[in-house]
Protein backbone atom coordinates (compact mmCIF):
# COMPACT_ATOMS: atom_id res chain seq x y z
CA UNK A 1 0.00 0.00 0.00
CA UNK A 2 2.77 2.43 0.89
CA UNK A 3 4.40 1.80 -2.48
CA UNK A 4 1.16 2.80 -4.20
CA UNK A 5 0.86 5.99 -2.15
CA UNK A 6 4.47 6.88 -2.93
CA UNK A 7 4.02 6.51 -6.70
CA UNK A 8 4.94 9.58 -8.71
CA UNK A 9 2.02 11.77 -9.81
CA UNK A 10 1.79 13.39 -13.24
CA UNK A 11 -0.80 16.10 -13.83
CA UNK A 12 -1.67 16.83 -17.44
CA UNK A 13 -4.28 18.85 -19.25
CA UNK A 14 -5.97 18.21 -22.58
CA UNK A 15 -6.89 20.96 -25.02
CA UNK A 16 -8.15 21.22 -28.56
CA UNK A 17 -10.83 22.67 -30.75
CA UNK A 18 -14.46 21.62 -30.50
CA UNK A 19 -14.94 18.04 -31.75
CA UNK A 20 -11.19 17.32 -31.90
CA UNK A 21 -11.86 14.42 -29.52
CA UNK A 22 -10.48 15.52 -26.13
CA UNK A 23 -13.13 13.80 -24.05
CA UNK A 24 -13.06 10.71 -26.28
CA UNK A 25 -9.30 10.49 -25.85
CA UNK A 26 -9.55 10.62 -22.06
CA UNK A 27 -12.37 8.09 -22.13
CA UNK A 28 -10.20 5.79 -24.23
CA UNK A 29 -7.27 6.21 -21.82
CA UNK A 30 -9.49 5.28 -18.89
CA UNK A 31 -11.19 2.42 -20.72
CA UNK A 32 -8.11 0.78 -22.20
CA UNK A 33 -6.10 1.17 -19.00
CA UNK A 34 -8.97 -0.55 -17.13
CA UNK A 35 -9.52 2.46 -14.88
CA UNK A 36 -13.34 2.53 -15.11
CA UNK A 37 -15.65 1.02 -12.52
CA UNK A 38 -18.45 -1.22 -13.78
CA UNK A 39 -21.18 1.13 -12.57
CA UNK A 40 -19.52 4.02 -14.43
CA UNK A 41 -19.38 1.97 -17.60
CA UNK A 42 -23.04 0.99 -17.25
CA UNK A 43 -24.01 4.64 -16.78
CA UNK A 44 -22.12 5.60 -19.92
CA UNK A 45 -23.73 2.74 -21.89
CA UNK A 46 -27.18 3.92 -20.79
CA UNK A 47 -26.40 7.55 -21.66
CA UNK A 48 -25.00 6.48 -25.05
CA UNK A 49 -28.17 4.55 -25.88
CA UNK A 50 -30.36 7.45 -24.79
CA UNK A 51 -28.43 9.76 -27.15
CA UNK A 52 -28.85 7.30 -30.03
CA UNK A 53 -25.24 6.12 -30.24
CA UNK A 54 -24.78 2.61 -31.62
CA UNK A 55 -21.60 2.09 -29.60
CA UNK A 56 -20.31 3.31 -26.24
CA UNK A 57 -19.54 7.02 -26.37
CA UNK A 58 -16.41 7.22 -24.20
CA UNK A 59 -16.54 11.03 -24.21
CA UNK A 60 -19.41 10.83 -21.74
CA UNK A 61 -16.98 9.63 -19.06
CA UNK A 62 -15.67 13.18 -18.71
CA UNK A 63 -18.61 15.30 -19.91
CA UNK A 64 -20.23 15.30 -16.50
CA UNK A 65 -22.54 18.29 -16.87
CA UNK A 66 -25.98 17.70 -18.37
CA UNK A 67 -25.44 20.62 -20.75
CA UNK A 68 -22.19 19.02 -21.94
CA UNK A 69 -23.86 15.70 -22.69
CA UNK A 70 -26.74 17.37 -24.50
CA UNK A 71 -24.49 19.56 -26.66
CA UNK A 72 -21.62 17.12 -27.03
CA UNK A 73 -19.08 19.68 -25.87
CA UNK A 74 -16.93 20.34 -22.81
CA UNK A 75 -17.90 23.44 -20.77
CA UNK A 76 -16.37 23.06 -17.32
CA UNK A 77 -12.95 21.69 -16.40
CA UNK A 78 -13.45 17.96 -15.75
CA UNK A 79 -10.82 16.34 -13.53
CA UNK A 80 -10.27 12.61 -13.74
CA UNK A 81 -7.90 10.33 -11.85
CA UNK A 82 -6.38 7.04 -12.93
CA UNK A 83 -3.28 4.99 -12.28
CA UNK A 84 -1.09 2.40 -13.96
CA UNK A 85 1.55 0.21 -12.30
CA UNK A 86 4.13 2.89 -13.14
CA UNK A 87 2.49 6.18 -12.23
CA UNK A 88 -0.60 8.02 -10.97
CA UNK A 89 -2.33 10.62 -13.14
CA UNK A 90 -4.70 13.55 -12.75
CA UNK A 91 -6.25 14.73 -16.02
CA UNK A 92 -7.85 18.14 -16.54
CA UNK A 93 -10.17 18.01 -19.55
CA UNK A 94 -10.49 21.68 -20.53
CA UNK A 95 -12.93 23.38 -22.93
CA UNK A 96 -11.98 24.33 -26.47
CA UNK A 97 -14.28 27.32 -26.89
CA UNK A 98 -12.70 30.77 -26.62
CA UNK A 99 -15.39 31.83 -24.11
CA UNK A 100 -14.00 29.24 -21.68
CA UNK A 101 -10.38 30.40 -21.84
CA UNK A 102 -10.42 31.00 -18.06
CA UNK A 103 -11.36 27.35 -17.51
CA UNK A 104 -8.43 26.22 -19.65
CA UNK A 105 -6.02 28.47 -17.75
CA UNK A 106 -7.36 27.06 -14.49
CA UNK A 107 -6.94 23.46 -15.64
CA UNK A 108 -3.44 24.02 -17.01
CA UNK A 109 -2.15 26.05 -14.06
CA UNK A 110 -1.19 22.97 -12.01
CA UNK A 111 -0.24 20.70 -14.92
CA UNK A 112 3.14 19.19 -15.73
CA UNK A 113 2.24 18.63 -19.39
CA UNK A 114 -0.37 19.52 -21.99
CA UNK A 115 -1.86 17.18 -24.58
CA UNK A 116 -3.05 19.36 -27.47
CA UNK A 117 -5.28 17.59 -29.98
CA UNK A 118 -5.36 18.41 -33.66
CA UNK A 119 -7.91 17.02 -36.13
CA UNK A 120 -5.78 15.45 -38.87
CA UNK A 121 -8.29 16.66 -41.50
CA UNK A 122 -8.05 20.33 -40.41
CA UNK A 123 -4.42 20.63 -39.30
CA UNK A 124 -3.19 23.59 -37.25
CA UNK A 125 -5.96 26.12 -36.60
CA UNK A 126 -6.36 29.26 -34.47
CA UNK A 127 -7.41 27.29 -31.39
CA UNK A 128 -4.20 25.24 -31.65
CA UNK A 129 -2.17 28.44 -31.45
CA UNK A 130 -4.30 29.69 -28.56
CA UNK A 131 -3.84 26.51 -26.54
CA UNK A 132 -0.12 26.50 -27.32
CA UNK A 133 0.16 30.12 -26.18
CA UNK A 134 -1.43 29.24 -22.83
CA UNK A 135 0.94 26.27 -22.45
CA UNK A 136 3.84 28.65 -23.08
CA UNK A 137 2.38 31.32 -20.79
CA UNK A 138 2.12 28.82 -17.92
CA UNK A 139 5.64 27.48 -18.54
CA UNK A 140 4.52 23.87 -19.02
CA UNK A 141 7.53 21.60 -19.38
CA UNK A 142 6.04 19.25 -21.96
CA UNK A 143 3.58 19.62 -24.83
CA UNK A 144 2.27 16.55 -26.65
CA UNK A 145 0.70 17.25 -30.03
CA UNK A 146 -1.72 14.37 -30.58
CA UNK A 147 -2.77 14.29 -34.24
CA UNK A 148 -6.19 12.67 -33.90
CA UNK A 149 -8.66 11.00 -36.29
CA UNK A 150 -5.86 9.49 -38.37
CA UNK A 151 -8.38 6.84 -39.47
CA UNK A 152 -10.22 9.58 -41.42
CA UNK A 153 -7.12 10.38 -43.52
CA UNK A 154 -6.23 6.71 -44.17
CA UNK A 155 -3.43 6.88 -41.56
CA UNK A 156 -1.39 9.02 -43.94
CA UNK A 157 2.22 9.63 -42.91
CA UNK A 158 2.35 12.65 -45.23
CA UNK A 159 -0.55 14.32 -43.42
CA UNK A 160 1.10 13.73 -40.07
CA UNK A 161 4.49 15.03 -41.26
CA UNK A 162 2.90 18.17 -42.70
CA UNK A 163 1.14 18.99 -39.41
CA UNK A 164 4.29 18.23 -37.44
CA UNK A 165 6.38 20.52 -39.64
CA UNK A 166 3.92 23.40 -39.34
CA UNK A 167 3.63 23.07 -35.57
CA UNK A 168 7.41 22.91 -35.13
CA UNK A 169 7.60 26.52 -36.36
CA UNK A 170 4.92 27.62 -33.89
CA UNK A 171 6.64 25.81 -31.02
CA UNK A 172 9.93 27.54 -31.79
CA UNK A 173 8.34 31.01 -31.81
CA UNK A 174 6.48 30.33 -28.56
CA UNK A 175 9.64 28.82 -27.02
CA UNK A 176 7.84 25.65 -25.96
CA UNK A 177 10.31 23.52 -24.03
CA UNK A 178 9.74 19.89 -25.02
CA UNK A 179 7.33 18.98 -27.81
CA UNK A 180 6.30 15.41 -28.67
CA UNK A 181 4.24 14.30 -31.69
CA UNK A 182 1.97 11.23 -31.80
CA UNK A 183 -0.49 10.10 -34.52
CA UNK A 184 -3.62 8.61 -32.90
CA UNK A 185 -7.24 7.62 -33.34
CA UNK A 186 -8.94 8.19 -29.99
CA UNK A 187 -12.21 6.60 -31.07
CA UNK A 188 -10.61 3.29 -32.05
CA UNK A 189 -7.68 3.42 -29.61
CA UNK A 190 -4.82 3.57 -32.12
CA UNK A 191 -1.60 4.59 -30.30
CA UNK A 192 -3.48 5.73 -27.19
CA UNK A 193 -2.78 2.84 -24.81
CA UNK A 194 -2.05 0.09 -27.33
CA UNK A 195 0.26 0.35 -30.32
CA UNK A 196 -1.55 0.62 -33.64
CA UNK A 197 -1.08 -1.86 -36.45
CA UNK A 198 -2.60 0.72 -38.79
CA UNK A 199 0.25 3.20 -38.23
CA UNK A 200 3.24 0.93 -38.75
CA UNK A 201 5.36 3.82 -40.02
CA UNK A 202 5.28 5.44 -36.56
CA UNK A 203 8.01 3.97 -34.33
CA UNK A 204 7.58 6.14 -31.24
CA UNK A 205 5.78 5.55 -27.95
CA UNK A 206 2.03 5.38 -27.50
CA UNK A 207 0.42 8.24 -25.62
CA UNK A 208 0.22 6.30 -22.35
CA UNK A 209 3.81 5.06 -22.68
CA UNK A 210 4.95 8.66 -23.15
CA UNK A 211 2.90 9.89 -20.18
CA UNK A 212 4.40 7.16 -18.01
CA UNK A 213 7.96 8.16 -18.81
CA UNK A 214 7.76 11.98 -18.96
CA UNK A 215 9.88 13.56 -16.23
CA UNK A 216 7.70 15.51 -13.80
CA UNK A 217 8.43 19.25 -13.77
CA UNK A 218 11.74 20.39 -12.36
CA UNK A 219 12.00 19.70 -8.66
CA UNK A 220 11.09 22.85 -6.77
CA UNK A 221 13.46 21.75 -4.02
CA UNK A 222 16.25 22.93 -6.35
CA UNK A 223 14.90 26.50 -6.21
CA UNK A 224 15.96 29.11 -3.65
CA UNK A 225 14.36 28.58 -0.22
CA UNK A 226 10.92 30.16 0.09
CA UNK A 227 8.84 29.44 3.21
CA UNK A 228 5.63 31.52 3.42
CA UNK A 229 4.41 31.41 7.01
CA UNK A 230 0.82 30.21 7.32
CA UNK A 231 0.40 29.95 11.08
CA UNK A 232 2.29 30.66 14.31
CA UNK A 233 2.12 27.68 16.68
CA UNK A 234 1.88 28.66 20.35
CA UNK A 235 0.37 25.72 22.33
CA UNK A 236 -0.18 27.79 25.50
CA UNK A 237 0.44 24.73 27.68
CA UNK A 238 2.81 24.32 30.61
CA UNK A 239 4.63 21.49 28.81
CA UNK A 240 5.33 23.84 25.89
CA UNK A 241 5.61 27.11 27.74
CA UNK A 242 8.28 28.63 25.49
CA UNK A 243 7.38 26.77 22.29
CA UNK A 244 6.99 28.93 19.21
CA UNK A 245 7.08 27.47 15.70
CA UNK A 246 6.11 28.70 12.27
CA UNK A 247 3.98 26.39 10.14
CA UNK A 248 3.77 26.47 6.37
CA UNK A 249 4.53 24.72 3.12
CA UNK A 250 7.92 25.10 1.47
CA UNK A 251 7.37 26.83 -1.86
CA UNK A 252 10.93 26.24 -3.00
CA UNK A 253 14.29 24.86 -1.97
CA UNK A 254 15.42 22.77 0.98
CA UNK A 255 16.15 24.00 4.48
CA UNK A 256 18.33 22.41 7.18
CA UNK A 257 18.74 22.75 10.91
CA UNK A 258 21.42 25.40 11.45
CA UNK A 259 20.76 27.31 8.22
CA UNK A 260 21.00 31.08 8.49
CA UNK A 261 17.71 32.64 7.46
CA UNK A 262 16.14 36.05 6.94
CA UNK A 263 12.54 36.90 7.79
CA UNK A 264 10.78 39.15 5.30
CA UNK A 265 9.66 41.88 5.21
CA UNK A 266 11.47 42.87 8.44
CA UNK A 267 14.89 41.60 7.21
CA UNK A 268 15.47 40.16 10.70
CA UNK A 269 18.12 37.42 10.70
CA UNK A 270 18.14 34.19 12.70
CA UNK A 271 18.94 30.50 12.24
CA UNK A 272 16.94 27.28 12.20
CA UNK A 273 16.75 25.54 15.58
CA UNK A 274 14.57 22.59 14.56
CA UNK A 275 12.18 21.34 11.88
CA UNK A 276 9.10 19.25 12.61
CA UNK A 277 6.73 17.31 10.38
CA UNK A 278 3.77 16.25 12.54
CA UNK A 279 5.40 14.41 15.47
CA UNK A 280 8.73 13.81 13.67
CA UNK A 281 11.88 15.88 13.94
CA UNK A 282 13.73 16.43 10.66
CA UNK A 283 17.28 17.44 9.89
CA UNK A 284 16.20 18.83 6.52
CA UNK A 285 12.92 19.61 4.73
CA UNK A 286 12.34 19.79 0.98
CA UNK A 287 9.71 21.62 -1.08
CA UNK A 288 6.77 21.01 -1.18
CA UNK A 289 6.76 19.57 2.36
CA UNK A 290 4.50 21.11 5.00
CA UNK A 291 6.53 21.58 8.18
CA UNK A 292 6.90 23.68 11.32
CA UNK A 293 10.17 25.58 11.76
CA UNK A 294 11.60 26.84 15.07
CA UNK A 295 14.20 29.62 15.12
CA UNK A 296 17.02 30.22 17.57
CA UNK A 297 15.95 33.82 18.22
CA UNK A 298 12.70 35.15 19.62
CA UNK A 299 11.79 37.26 16.58
CA UNK A 300 8.53 38.78 15.39
CA UNK A 301 7.10 36.49 12.70
CA UNK A 302 3.44 36.30 11.64
CA UNK A 303 1.22 34.93 8.87
CA UNK A 304 2.17 36.42 5.50
CA UNK A 305 5.86 36.75 6.39
CA UNK A 306 8.37 34.67 4.45
CA UNK A 307 11.43 32.82 5.76
CA UNK A 308 14.27 32.58 3.22
CA UNK A 309 17.96 31.79 3.27
CA UNK A 310 19.99 34.88 3.93
CA UNK A 311 22.15 34.44 0.82
CA UNK A 312 19.27 34.38 -1.70
CA UNK A 313 16.47 36.89 -1.18
CA UNK A 314 13.42 37.28 -3.45
CA UNK A 315 12.33 40.53 -5.10
CA UNK A 316 10.60 43.02 -2.79
CA UNK A 317 8.49 45.62 -4.54
CA UNK A 318 5.06 47.26 -4.43
CA UNK A 319 4.98 47.94 -8.18
CA UNK A 320 4.22 44.62 -9.83
CA UNK A 321 4.10 43.78 -13.54
CA UNK A 322 1.62 41.00 -14.28
CA UNK A 323 0.24 38.89 -17.06
CA UNK A 324 -3.31 38.16 -16.00
CA UNK A 325 -6.25 36.09 -17.12
CA UNK A 326 -9.43 37.94 -16.18
CA UNK A 327 -11.97 35.53 -14.66
CA UNK A 328 -14.98 37.68 -13.86
CA UNK A 329 -17.97 38.94 -15.82
CA UNK A 330 -17.28 42.45 -14.51
CA UNK A 331 -14.45 44.04 -16.55
CA UNK A 332 -11.17 45.09 -14.94
CA UNK A 333 -11.34 48.64 -13.64
CA UNK A 334 -8.21 50.80 -13.89
CA UNK A 335 -7.75 52.77 -10.68
CA UNK A 336 -9.96 50.42 -8.67
CA UNK A 337 -8.82 48.80 -5.44
CA UNK A 338 -8.70 45.00 -5.17
CA UNK A 339 -7.54 42.45 -2.62
CA UNK A 340 -4.29 40.77 -3.70
CA UNK A 341 -3.53 37.29 -2.32
CA UNK A 342 0.05 36.16 -2.83
CA UNK A 343 1.30 32.97 -1.12
CA UNK A 344 0.03 33.43 2.48
CA UNK A 345 0.06 37.22 2.30
CA UNK A 346 -2.92 39.48 1.64
CA UNK A 347 -2.67 43.16 0.69
CA UNK A 348 -4.70 45.78 -1.12
CA UNK A 349 -3.71 46.69 -4.65
CA UNK A 350 -4.70 49.25 -7.27
CA UNK A 351 -4.70 48.56 -11.02
CA UNK A 352 -2.42 51.28 -12.40
CA UNK A 353 -2.38 50.53 -16.13
CA UNK A 354 -3.09 48.02 -18.90
CA UNK A 355 -0.10 47.81 -21.23
CA UNK A 356 -1.65 45.49 -23.77
CA UNK A 357 -4.14 42.70 -24.28
CA UNK A 358 -3.32 39.49 -26.11
CA UNK A 359 -5.37 38.32 -29.05
CA UNK A 360 -4.98 34.63 -28.26
CA UNK A 361 -6.24 33.57 -31.67
CA UNK A 362 -3.62 35.49 -33.65
CA UNK A 363 -1.13 35.91 -30.75
CA UNK A 364 -0.88 39.63 -31.50
CA UNK A 365 -0.62 42.29 -28.78
CA UNK A 366 -3.41 44.90 -28.73
CA UNK A 367 -1.98 48.12 -27.26
CA UNK A 368 -4.84 50.58 -27.81
CA UNK A 369 -7.64 48.74 -26.02
CA UNK A 370 -7.53 48.89 -22.21
CA UNK A 371 -10.88 47.16 -21.63
CA UNK A 372 -10.14 43.78 -20.05
CA UNK A 373 -13.17 41.49 -19.94
CA UNK A 374 -13.76 37.90 -18.85
CA UNK A 375 -11.38 35.42 -20.55
CA UNK A 376 -9.04 38.21 -21.71
CA UNK A 377 -5.31 37.87 -21.13
CA UNK A 378 -3.50 41.16 -20.55
CA UNK A 379 -0.26 42.67 -19.30
CA UNK A 380 -0.99 45.09 -16.45
CA UNK A 381 0.71 47.07 -13.70
CA UNK A 382 -0.52 47.05 -10.09
CA UNK A 383 0.56 49.00 -7.00
CA UNK A 384 0.20 47.16 -3.68
CA UNK A 385 -0.31 48.71 -0.25
CA UNK A 386 2.95 47.16 0.92
CA UNK A 387 5.75 45.39 -0.97
CA UNK A 388 5.29 41.76 -1.98
CA UNK A 389 8.07 39.17 -1.54
CA UNK A 390 8.14 37.38 -4.88
CA UNK A 391 10.03 35.66 -7.67
CA UNK A 392 9.26 35.85 -11.37
CA UNK A 393 6.74 33.25 -12.49
CA UNK A 394 9.36 31.78 -14.81
CA UNK A 395 11.58 31.15 -11.77
CA UNK A 396 8.99 29.89 -9.28
CA UNK A 397 5.34 29.46 -10.23
CA UNK A 398 4.21 29.52 -6.56
CA UNK A 399 5.90 32.72 -5.39
CA UNK A 400 5.50 34.18 -8.89
CA UNK A 401 1.71 33.99 -9.03
CA UNK A 402 -1.17 35.73 -7.28
CA UNK A 403 -4.93 36.13 -7.41
CA UNK A 404 -6.97 39.33 -7.55
CA UNK A 405 -10.17 39.51 -5.48
CA UNK A 406 -13.08 41.95 -5.59
CA UNK A 407 -13.09 43.60 -2.15
CA UNK A 408 -16.89 44.03 -2.16
CA UNK A 409 -18.02 40.58 -3.32
CA UNK A 410 -14.88 38.55 -2.45
CA UNK A 411 -15.05 36.93 -5.89
CA UNK A 412 -11.74 35.86 -7.43
CA UNK A 413 -11.65 38.08 -10.52
CA UNK A 414 -8.13 37.57 -11.89
CA UNK A 415 -5.18 35.18 -11.87
CA UNK A 416 -1.77 36.77 -12.37
CA UNK A 417 1.76 35.69 -13.28
CA UNK A 418 4.51 38.08 -12.22
CA UNK A 419 6.83 39.08 -15.08
CA UNK A 420 9.83 41.35 -15.29
CA UNK A 421 9.32 43.30 -18.48
CA UNK A 422 7.09 43.65 -21.50
CA UNK A 423 9.65 42.06 -23.81
CA UNK A 424 9.65 38.76 -21.95
CA UNK A 425 6.03 38.07 -22.85
CA UNK A 426 5.78 39.47 -26.37
CA UNK A 427 4.97 36.75 -28.92
CA UNK A 428 3.97 37.06 -32.52
CA UNK A 429 3.27 34.60 -35.30
C-alpha cells in the first residue's frame, strides 16, 4: 500500500478545438487502461443509448454536466484520476471554446504537461495556437501534439508530417520547451494505450507510454528557499511554555537545521533551531513539504511573512508587472482597489495601467484597447499597499503567481503571473 501511495504523480491537461476528440481520448485512456468502474461503464452505456449512439460514447466519461452531454461539448474543467503500475495521473479536460479560456487556464495552471489535440483533416488552426500560447504562458515543461482522427485520412504519414512541420515553427516562436508528436485515433484506440497496427510507419511511444515516462516538472526543491508562514504555533500549555514554531509549506528549496535565514519583510536574521513534520523531527525539509520551523531567536514572525535563506532573497516591490487572465464577468477597472492574495500574504492593490491585451487567436498584442473582460489575457501594472516578496513566475510558479479579489463581493476576478518586463512576454506569429 505504501508503495502505491508513494508513486509519482503526473498532472496533465488536454486541449483542442471543439470536436477534436479531447473527451473521447480521455475516455479511451481510462477504458483501455482498465480504470473505469463497472457502474460508471453501465451509466455511460445507458447515456449512449439514450443519445442514439450505436456504440459506447467514451466522451461521456468526462462530460459530467448535463449541458455538456446534450451539446456534445466540454464546458467546465473535468478532472479525472487514474493509475497504472508505473504512475498516478490527474487529467484536466479543458474546454476548447474561446469563451471558456479562463477554464483552460485554471486546468493548465497545475499541470506538468499539456496534450493538445489536432484534427488530422483540419491541421493547425487558431485554437491550436491559442492553446499552445497558454501552455507557453504557464511554462509547461512538456507539450504533446496528438494528431487525432488518423483513421479519417487513411493513416497518412504525409498528413502527419505536414502537421508536425507546421507546428514545429509555432513551437519555436512560442519557445515551448519539449514537444512530442503522436499520430492517434482516440475513437478506435490507435496509439493511445495500445500500439496501432494501422500506423506501422510510426516507431515512437504510445500516448500512455509517453505519459508514463515523462519527467515531472523540475524539482522545486532545487529552487531558492521560500517558506511563506501560514500559522504561528503557540500551544499555551505548561509542557510547551516557550514553544513557538512557524507552520507552512515550502514553496521552494530545501532548508536544514542550522541554516542562516532572513525573515521578510522585516529583514530580521536568525537560524533554524529545529524542523518538525507532525510528530517527527527532521534534519532537513524539501519543497513542497509542509513543516513547522523553530528559530534560535525570539523574533517577530506572523502569517504572511516569508522565511528565506539569507544568501538568496526574493524581489521586494510594491509595483508589480503581471500577465493576468481575467476571470470575472465584470471588466477590470483601472484605478480600482482590489484584494491581492500572494502565497500566504494578503494586501490591497490598485490597477495602475493596462499595457496590452493578447489576441490569443492570432497571438498579437493589442496596445490601444484597455478594456479587459472575462477570458481576456492582458499585461498590467498594479501597485500594492505594501511590498510583496516574490520571484518571477518563470523562476517559481508559486511565489511568482497571485490572485486578484473583488473587495466588495470577495469573488476571485483575476489570476496573475509576475513578469519582469514587456519584452519577456511578447509573442507574434
